[in-house]
C-alpha cells in the first residue's frame, strides 16, 4: 500500500489536551447560549421571498415554488 504510507507521512497525529477540550466545550456552550437565540431572531437580508403559487406557462396547472 504505497498510497497509504504516502498519505500517512503528511498527516500528523492530533493530540488534544483535556484543557483544550474544556475550552472548546465552553466556547460551544457560549455560542449556543448567547449567539444562537440572537441569530434565530435575525432575518437574513439576502433571503429570497417565498414564492407563491403560479401557473405553468405550458399546461396552465398551478405550480408551487
PDB file of N, CA and C in Angstrom:
ATOM      1  N   UNK A   1       0.843  -1.184   0.000  1.00  0.00           N
ATOM      2  CA  UNK A   1       0.000   0.000   0.000  1.00  0.00           C
ATOM      3  C   UNK A   1       0.888   1.246   0.000  1.00  0.00           C
ATOM      4  N   UNK A   2       1.344   1.591  -1.129  1.00  0.00           N
ATOM      5  CA  UNK A   2       2.215   2.746  -1.269  1.00  0.00           C
ATOM      6  C   UNK A   2       1.464   4.041  -0.959  1.00  0.00           C
ATOM      7  N   UNK A   3       0.224   4.140  -1.404  1.00  0.00           N
ATOM      8  CA  UNK A   3      -0.566   5.354  -1.193  1.00  0.00           C
ATOM      9  C   UNK A   3      -0.814   5.605   0.286  1.00  0.00           C
ATOM     10  N   UNK A   4      -1.122   4.555   1.028  1.00  0.00           N
ATOM     11  CA  UNK A   4      -1.404   4.703   2.455  1.00  0.00           C
ATOM     12  C   UNK A   4      -0.193   5.254   3.197  1.00  0.00           C
ATOM     13  N   UNK A   5       0.980   4.739   2.923  1.00  0.00           N
ATOM     14  CA  UNK A   5       2.177   5.234   3.605  1.00  0.00           C
ATOM     15  C   UNK A   5       2.508   6.655   3.160  1.00  0.00           C
ATOM     16  N   UNK A   6       2.217   6.969   1.904  1.00  0.00           N
ATOM     17  CA  UNK A   6       2.474   8.315   1.401  1.00  0.00           C
ATOM     18  C   UNK A   6       1.576   9.335   2.090  1.00  0.00           C
ATOM     19  N   UNK A   7       0.288   9.017   2.199  1.00  0.00           N
ATOM     20  CA  UNK A   7      -0.662   9.927   2.833  1.00  0.00           C
ATOM     21  C   UNK A   7      -0.376  10.049   4.316  1.00  0.00           C
ATOM     22  N   UNK A   8      -0.092   8.944   4.977  1.00  0.00           N
ATOM     23  CA  UNK A   8       0.146   8.999   6.420  1.00  0.00           C
ATOM     24  C   UNK A   8       1.412   9.767   6.760  1.00  0.00           C
ATOM     25  N   UNK A   9       2.336   9.892   5.833  1.00  0.00           N
ATOM     26  CA  UNK A   9       3.544  10.665   6.115  1.00  0.00           C
ATOM     27  C   UNK A   9       3.248  12.161   6.180  1.00  0.00           C
ATOM     28  N   UNK A  10       2.157  12.607   5.541  1.00  0.00           N
ATOM     29  CA  UNK A  10       1.792  14.016   5.578  1.00  0.00           C
ATOM     30  C   UNK A  10       0.820  14.354   6.697  1.00  0.00           C
ATOM     31  N   UNK A  11       0.171  13.363   7.245  1.00  0.00           N
ATOM     32  CA  UNK A  11      -0.806  13.603   8.301  1.00  0.00           C
ATOM     33  C   UNK A  11      -0.156  13.374   9.656  1.00  0.00           C
ATOM     34  N   UNK A  12      -0.222  14.375  10.504  1.00  0.00           N
ATOM     35  CA  UNK A  12       0.315  14.208  11.851  1.00  0.00           C
ATOM     36  C   UNK A  12      -0.816  13.822  12.789  1.00  0.00           C
ATOM     37  N   UNK A  13      -0.484  13.197  13.871  1.00  0.00           N
ATOM     38  CA  UNK A  13      -1.491  12.828  14.849  1.00  0.00           C
ATOM     39  C   UNK A  13      -1.914  14.061  15.624  1.00  0.00           C
ATOM     40  N   UNK A  14      -3.198  14.213  15.779  1.00  0.00           N
ATOM     41  CA  UNK A  14      -3.736  15.354  16.512  1.00  0.00           C
ATOM     42  C   UNK A  14      -3.848  14.967  17.974  1.00  0.00           C
ATOM     43  N   UNK A  15      -3.185  15.705  18.807  1.00  0.00           N
ATOM     44  CA  UNK A  15      -3.258  15.449  20.240  1.00  0.00           C
ATOM     45  C   UNK A  15      -3.974  16.626  20.882  1.00  0.00           C
ATOM     46  N   UNK A  16      -5.036  16.328  21.569  1.00  0.00           N
ATOM     47  CA  UNK A  16      -5.839  17.354  22.212  1.00  0.00           C
ATOM     48  C   UNK A  16      -5.824  17.106  23.708  1.00  0.00           C
ATOM     49  N   UNK A  17      -5.449  18.144  24.444  1.00  0.00           N
ATOM     50  CA  UNK A  17      -5.394  18.003  25.897  1.00  0.00           C
ATOM     51  C   UNK A  17      -6.787  18.178  26.488  1.00  0.00           C
ATOM     52  N   UNK A  18      -6.923  17.777  27.731  1.00  0.00           N
ATOM     53  CA  UNK A  18      -8.204  17.925  28.429  1.00  0.00           C
ATOM     54  C   UNK A  18      -8.574  19.398  28.565  1.00  0.00           C
ATOM     55  N   UNK A  19      -7.579  20.260  28.763  1.00  0.00           N
ATOM     56  CA  UNK A  19      -7.849  21.700  28.867  1.00  0.00           C
ATOM     57  C   UNK A  19      -8.391  22.258  27.554  1.00  0.00           C
ATOM     58  N   UNK A  20      -7.835  21.817  26.437  1.00  0.00           N
ATOM     59  CA  UNK A  20      -8.311  22.285  25.139  1.00  0.00           C
ATOM     60  C   UNK A  20      -9.734  21.809  24.868  1.00  0.00           C
ATOM     61  N   UNK A  21     -10.031  20.598  25.268  1.00  0.00           N
ATOM     62  CA  UNK A  21     -11.395  20.095  25.108  1.00  0.00           C
ATOM     63  C   UNK A  21     -12.352  20.898  25.973  1.00  0.00           C
ATOM     64  N   UNK A  22     -11.938  21.221  27.183  1.00  0.00           N
ATOM     65  CA  UNK A  22     -12.775  22.019  28.085  1.00  0.00           C
ATOM     66  C   UNK A  22     -13.011  23.420  27.512  1.00  0.00           C
ATOM     67  N   UNK A  23     -11.974  24.040  26.956  1.00  0.00           N
ATOM     68  CA  UNK A  23     -12.112  25.370  26.357  1.00  0.00           C
ATOM     69  C   UNK A  23     -13.050  25.321  25.148  1.00  0.00           C
ATOM     70  N   UNK A  24     -12.907  24.305  24.328  1.00  0.00           N
ATOM     71  CA  UNK A  24     -13.781  24.169  23.169  1.00  0.00           C
ATOM     72  C   UNK A  24     -15.224  23.935  23.575  1.00  0.00           C
ATOM     73  N   UNK A  25     -15.412  23.151  24.603  1.00  0.00           N
ATOM     74  CA  UNK A  25     -16.757  22.890  25.104  1.00  0.00           C
ATOM     75  C   UNK A  25     -17.393  24.162  25.641  1.00  0.00           C
ATOM     76  N   UNK A  26     -16.620  24.966  26.358  1.00  0.00           N
ATOM     77  CA  UNK A  26     -17.129  26.231  26.902  1.00  0.00           C
ATOM     78  C   UNK A  26     -17.473  27.192  25.772  1.00  0.00           C
ATOM     79  N   UNK A  27     -16.617  27.271  24.760  1.00  0.00           N
ATOM     80  CA  UNK A  27     -16.878  28.163  23.624  1.00  0.00           C
ATOM     81  C   UNK A  27     -18.154  27.752  22.895  1.00  0.00           C
ATOM     82  N   UNK A  28     -18.340  26.463  22.692  1.00  0.00           N
ATOM     83  CA  UNK A  28     -19.551  25.988  22.026  1.00  0.00           C
ATOM     84  C   UNK A  28     -20.786  26.270  22.871  1.00  0.00           C
ATOM     85  N   UNK A  29     -20.679  26.078  24.175  1.00  0.00           N
ATOM     86  CA  UNK A  29     -21.806  26.365  25.066  1.00  0.00           C
ATOM     87  C   UNK A  29     -22.163  27.848  25.026  1.00  0.00           C
ATOM     88  N   UNK A  30     -21.146  28.714  24.990  1.00  0.00           N
ATOM     89  CA  UNK A  30     -21.395  30.158  24.915  1.00  0.00           C
ATOM     90  C   UNK A  30     -22.117  30.521  23.620  1.00  0.00           C
ATOM     91  N   UNK A  31     -21.692  29.933  22.524  1.00  0.00           N
ATOM     92  CA  UNK A  31     -22.339  30.215  21.239  1.00  0.00           C
ATOM     93  C   UNK A  31     -23.792  29.769  21.277  1.00  0.00           C
ATOM     94  N   UNK A  32     -24.031  28.563  21.776  1.00  0.00           N
ATOM     95  CA  UNK A  32     -25.397  28.050  21.809  1.00  0.00           C
ATOM     96  C   UNK A  32     -26.275  28.833  22.770  1.00  0.00           C
ATOM     97  N   UNK A  33     -25.700  29.326  23.847  1.00  0.00           N
ATOM     98  CA  UNK A  33     -26.485  30.034  24.859  1.00  0.00           C
ATOM     99  C   UNK A  33     -26.718  31.494  24.498  1.00  0.00           C
ATOM    100  N   UNK A  34     -25.716  32.152  23.951  1.00  0.00           N
ATOM    101  CA  UNK A  34     -25.784  33.603  23.728  1.00  0.00           C
ATOM    102  C   UNK A  34     -26.086  33.941  22.268  1.00  0.00           C
ATOM    103  N   UNK A  35     -25.290  33.425  21.365  1.00  0.00           N
ATOM    104  CA  UNK A  35     -25.379  33.843  19.966  1.00  0.00           C
ATOM    105  C   UNK A  35     -26.528  33.193  19.204  1.00  0.00           C
ATOM    106  N   UNK A  36     -26.807  31.936  19.450  1.00  0.00           N
ATOM    107  CA  UNK A  36     -27.824  31.241  18.673  1.00  0.00           C
ATOM    108  C   UNK A  36     -29.209  31.861  18.805  1.00  0.00           C
ATOM    109  N   UNK A  37     -29.689  32.178  20.017  1.00  0.00           N
ATOM    110  CA  UNK A  37     -31.006  32.817  20.101  1.00  0.00           C
ATOM    111  C   UNK A  37     -31.061  34.155  19.360  1.00  0.00           C
ATOM    112  N   UNK A  38     -29.959  34.906  19.413  1.00  0.00           N
ATOM    113  CA  UNK A  38     -29.909  36.188  18.717  1.00  0.00           C
ATOM    114  C   UNK A  38     -29.947  35.973  17.200  1.00  0.00           C
ATOM    115  N   UNK A  39     -29.233  34.959  16.722  1.00  0.00           N
ATOM    116  CA  UNK A  39     -29.213  34.692  15.286  1.00  0.00           C
ATOM    117  C   UNK A  39     -30.561  34.190  14.786  1.00  0.00           C
ATOM    118  N   UNK A  40     -31.279  33.463  15.621  1.00  0.00           N
ATOM    119  CA  UNK A  40     -32.597  32.976  15.218  1.00  0.00           C
ATOM    120  C   UNK A  40     -33.579  34.120  15.028  1.00  0.00           C
ATOM    121  N   UNK A  41     -33.404  35.216  15.775  1.00  0.00           N
ATOM    122  CA  UNK A  41     -34.301  36.364  15.677  1.00  0.00           C
ATOM    123  C   UNK A  41     -34.021  37.201  14.436  1.00  0.00           C
ATOM    124  N   UNK A  42     -32.780  37.152  13.947  1.00  0.00           N
ATOM    125  CA  UNK A  42     -32.398  37.957  12.790  1.00  0.00           C
ATOM    126  C   UNK A  42     -32.936  37.331  11.515  1.00  0.00           C
ATOM    127  N   UNK A  43     -33.366  38.181  10.598  1.00  0.00           N
ATOM    128  CA  UNK A  43     -33.838  37.708   9.300  1.00  0.00           C
ATOM    129  C   UNK A  43     -32.717  37.922   8.289  1.00  0.00           C
ATOM    130  N   UNK A  44     -32.377  36.908   7.531  1.00  0.00           N
ATOM    131  CA  UNK A  44     -31.335  37.092   6.523  1.00  0.00           C
ATOM    132  C   UNK A  44     -31.749  38.148   5.504  1.00  0.00           C
ATOM    133  N   UNK A  45     -30.835  39.031   5.179  1.00  0.00           N
ATOM    134  CA  UNK A  45     -31.139  40.122   4.254  1.00  0.00           C
ATOM    135  C   UNK A  45     -31.216  39.642   2.811  1.00  0.00           C
ATOM    136  N   UNK A  46     -30.447  38.615   2.497  1.00  0.00           N
ATOM    137  CA  UNK A  46     -30.403  38.175   1.109  1.00  0.00           C
ATOM    138  C   UNK A  46     -31.304  36.968   0.840  1.00  0.00           C
ATOM    139  N   UNK A  47     -32.216  36.686   1.740  1.00  0.00           N
ATOM    140  CA  UNK A  47     -33.119  35.552   1.543  1.00  0.00           C
ATOM    141  C   UNK A  47     -34.153  35.893   0.475  1.00  0.00           C
ATOM    142  N   UNK A  48     -34.396  34.944  -0.371  1.00  0.00           N
ATOM    143  CA  UNK A  48     -35.391  35.144  -1.425  1.00  0.00           C
ATOM    144  C   UNK A  48     -36.783  35.063  -0.815  1.00  0.00           C
ATOM    145  N   UNK A  49     -37.700  35.885  -1.289  1.00  0.00           N
ATOM    146  CA  UNK A  49     -39.061  35.804  -0.756  1.00  0.00           C
ATOM    147  C   UNK A  49     -39.697  34.466  -1.128  1.00  0.00           C
ATOM    148  N   UNK A  50     -40.607  34.026  -0.291  1.00  0.00           N
ATOM    149  CA  UNK A  50     -41.289  32.772  -0.571  1.00  0.00           C
ATOM    150  C   UNK A  50     -42.141  32.915  -1.822  1.00  0.00           C
ATOM    151  N   UNK A  51     -42.002  31.963  -2.709  1.00  0.00           N
ATOM    152  CA  UNK A  51     -42.752  32.005  -3.963  1.00  0.00           C
ATOM    153  C   UNK A  51     -44.145  31.443  -3.738  1.00  0.00           C
ATOM    154  N   UNK A  52     -45.115  32.157  -4.205  1.00  0.00           N
ATOM    155  CA  UNK A  52     -46.492  31.696  -4.101  1.00  0.00           C
ATOM    156  C   UNK A  52     -46.838  30.817  -5.285  1.00  0.00           C
ATOM    157  N   UNK A  53     -48.063  30.379  -5.342  1.00  0.00           N
ATOM    158  CA  UNK A  53     -48.471  29.531  -6.467  1.00  0.00           C
ATOM    159  C   UNK A  53     -48.448  30.320  -7.770  1.00  0.00           C
ATOM    160  N   UNK A  54     -48.030  29.658  -8.823  1.00  0.00           N
ATOM    161  CA  UNK A  54     -48.026  30.290 -10.139  1.00  0.00           C
ATOM    162  C   UNK A  54     -48.481  29.260 -11.170  1.00  0.00           C
ATOM    163  N   UNK A  55     -48.973  29.747 -12.276  1.00  0.00           N
ATOM    164  CA  UNK A  55     -49.468  28.861 -13.327  1.00  0.00           C
ATOM    165  C   UNK A  55     -48.324  28.472 -14.247  1.00  0.00           C
ATOM    166  N   UNK A  56     -48.310  27.209 -14.623  1.00  0.00           N
ATOM    167  CA  UNK A  56     -47.313  26.711 -15.564  1.00  0.00           C
ATOM    168  C   UNK A  56     -47.558  27.369 -16.918  1.00  0.00           C
ATOM    169  N   UNK A  57     -46.495  27.827 -17.578  1.00  0.00           N
ATOM    170  CA  UNK A  57     -46.667  28.522 -18.848  1.00  0.00           C
ATOM    171  C   UNK A  57     -47.001  27.573 -20.000  1.00  0.00           C
ATOM    172  N   UNK A  58     -46.819  26.271 -19.828  1.00  0.00           N
ATOM    173  CA  UNK A  58     -47.141  25.320 -20.891  1.00  0.00           C
ATOM    174  C   UNK A  58     -48.521  24.693 -20.723  1.00  0.00           C
ATOM    175  N   UNK A  59     -48.824  24.232 -19.489  1.00  0.00           N
ATOM    176  CA  UNK A  59     -50.085  23.497 -19.322  1.00  0.00           C
ATOM    177  C   UNK A  59     -51.134  24.272 -18.530  1.00  0.00           C
ATOM    178  N   UNK A  60     -50.731  25.332 -17.826  1.00  0.00           N
ATOM    179  CA  UNK A  60     -51.677  26.136 -17.080  1.00  0.00           C
ATOM    180  C   UNK A  60     -51.972  25.638 -15.677  1.00  0.00           C
ATOM    181  N   UNK A  61     -51.379  24.495 -15.293  1.00  0.00           N
ATOM    182  CA  UNK A  61     -51.607  23.986 -13.940  1.00  0.00           C
ATOM    183  C   UNK A  61     -50.897  24.867 -12.922  1.00  0.00           C
ATOM    184  N   UNK A  62     -51.450  24.897 -11.716  1.00  0.00           N
ATOM    185  CA  UNK A  62     -50.859  25.691 -10.639  1.00  0.00           C
ATOM    186  C   UNK A  62     -49.644  24.948 -10.098  1.00  0.00           C
ATOM    187  N   UNK A  63     -48.516  25.664 -10.064  1.00  0.00           N
ATOM    188  CA  UNK A  63     -47.256  25.105  -9.600  1.00  0.00           C
ATOM    189  C   UNK A  63     -46.839  25.870  -8.355  1.00  0.00           C
ATOM    190  N   UNK A  64     -46.409  25.167  -7.322  1.00  0.00           N
ATOM    191  CA  UNK A  64     -45.939  25.810  -6.092  1.00  0.00           C
ATOM    192  C   UNK A  64     -44.418  25.795  -6.074  1.00  0.00           C
ATOM    193  N   UNK A  65     -43.828  26.979  -5.799  1.00  0.00           N
ATOM    194  CA  UNK A  65     -42.385  27.067  -5.629  1.00  0.00           C
ATOM    195  C   UNK A  65     -41.687  27.188  -6.901  1.00  0.00           C
TER     196      UNK A  65
END
